[in-house]
Amino acid sequence: AGMDPAELEEQVRTGKRPLPSMGSTGHFEGTCRRCCFFPKGRCTNGSNCEFCHFGHEKRKRKGKRDMRYDYGDMEAGGKDDILQQLVGGHGGFG
């Protein structure tokens, strides 16, 4: 159980508590960029980190299916057309 976010913000704003990292500037305004290494204890930059070390909501990861090209919607022969473009339209690598 961590500190209440409003209490933490007040302590940082009044100077009673330092920012956890340089990149945490702007966290309470929503203009910071989160450090993806800090929550897992792998940030080696400490207070010099250019990214925010305050807590953030977890981001939803894209599934592999969302990131790759979907060949399923392609009409017949479409895969061959793409392969032809990739190899320079020569029908082979030579």
Protein backbone atom coordinates (compact mmCIF):
# COMPACT_ATOMS: atom_id res chain seq x y z
CA ALA A 1 0.00 0.00 0.00
CA GLY A 2 1.59 3.21 -1.18
CA MET A 3 1.01 6.78 -0.17
CA ASP A 4 -2.18 8.53 -1.20
CA PRO A 5 -1.48 10.19 -4.59
CA ALA A 6 -2.94 13.53 -3.43
CA GLU A 7 -0.72 13.50 -0.33
CA LEU A 8 2.33 12.62 -2.42
CA GLU A 9 1.55 15.44 -4.86
CA GLU A 10 1.23 17.92 -1.99
CA GLN A 11 4.54 16.82 -0.47
CA VAL A 12 6.32 17.19 -3.82
CA ARG A 13 4.71 20.58 -4.54
CA THR A 14 5.66 21.96 -1.12
CA GLY A 15 9.22 20.64 -1.34
CA LYS A 16 8.83 18.19 1.57
CA ARG A 17 9.62 15.34 -0.80
CA PRO A 18 11.88 15.52 -3.88
CA LEU A 19 10.82 14.31 -7.30
CA PRO A 20 11.79 10.65 -7.71
CA SER A 21 13.42 11.44 -11.08
CA MET A 22 14.06 14.40 -13.39
CA GLY A 23 11.52 12.96 -15.80
CA SER A 24 8.82 13.04 -13.12
CA THR A 25 8.46 16.78 -13.69
CA GLY A 26 5.02 17.32 -15.15
CA HIS A 27 3.54 14.09 -13.77
CA PHE A 28 0.70 15.85 -11.98
CA GLU A 29 -0.11 17.87 -15.10
CA GLY A 30 -0.08 14.72 -17.22
CA THR A 31 2.85 15.80 -19.40
CA CYS A 32 5.46 13.27 -18.23
CA ARG A 33 6.59 10.10 -20.00
CA ARG A 34 6.63 6.96 -17.88
CA CYS A 35 9.79 4.95 -17.20
CA CYS A 36 9.04 1.40 -18.29
CA PHE A 37 11.99 0.04 -16.27
CA PHE A 38 11.28 1.63 -12.86
CA PRO A 39 8.22 -0.45 -11.81
CA LYS A 40 10.24 -3.63 -12.31
CA GLY A 41 13.24 -2.27 -10.40
CA ARG A 42 15.43 -2.20 -13.51
CA CYS A 43 15.97 1.55 -14.03
CA THR A 44 19.67 2.23 -13.54
CA ASN A 45 19.42 6.03 -13.97
CA GLY A 46 17.87 6.77 -10.58
CA SER A 47 17.02 10.43 -9.98
CA ASN A 48 18.78 11.36 -13.24
CA CYS A 49 16.29 9.34 -15.29
CA GLU A 50 14.60 11.37 -18.04
CA PHE A 51 11.38 9.40 -17.53
CA CYS A 52 8.76 9.51 -14.77
CA HIS A 53 9.15 7.31 -11.69
CA PHE A 54 5.67 7.97 -10.26
CA GLY A 55 3.02 5.28 -10.55
CA HIS A 56 1.05 5.08 -13.80
CA GLU A 57 -1.86 2.96 -14.93
CA LYS A 58 -0.72 -0.14 -16.72
CA ARG A 59 -0.94 0.10 -20.47
CA LYS A 60 -2.74 -2.58 -22.43
CA ARG A 61 -0.25 -4.45 -24.61
CA LYS A 62 -1.05 -5.06 -28.24
CA GLY A 63 -1.47 -8.70 -29.12
CA LYS A 64 0.77 -10.21 -31.76
CA ARG A 65 -2.22 -10.51 -34.07
CA ASP A 66 -2.75 -6.73 -33.93
CA MET A 67 0.87 -6.00 -34.84
CA ARG A 68 1.31 -8.23 -37.88
CA TYR A 69 -0.22 -7.91 -41.31
CA ASP A 70 -3.39 -9.94 -41.65
CA TYR A 71 -3.12 -12.10 -44.78
CA GLY A 72 -6.50 -13.70 -44.12
CA ASP A 73 -8.45 -10.88 -45.80
CA MET A 74 -6.35 -10.99 -48.95
CA GLU A 75 -7.85 -12.38 -52.12
CA ALA A 76 -6.27 -15.40 -53.80
CA GLY A 77 -2.84 -14.68 -55.21
CA GLY A 78 -2.27 -11.73 -52.91
CA LYS A 79 0.56 -13.39 -51.02
CA ASP A 80 2.35 -14.13 -54.28
CA ASP A 81 1.95 -10.50 -55.36
CA ILE A 82 3.58 -9.32 -52.15
CA LEU A 83 6.42 -11.83 -52.53
CA GLN A 84 6.99 -10.57 -56.08
CA GLN A 85 7.26 -6.99 -54.78
CA LEU A 86 9.67 -8.05 -52.03
CA VAL A 87 12.05 -9.79 -54.43
CA GLY A 88 11.91 -6.97 -56.93
CA GLY A 89 9.40 -8.50 -59.31
CA HIS A 90 11.99 -10.89 -60.75
CA GLY A 91 10.23 -14.07 -59.68
CA GLY A 92 13.35 -15.09 -57.79
CA PHE A 93 16.43 -13.86 -56.03
CA GLY A 94 18.82 -14.10 -58.98
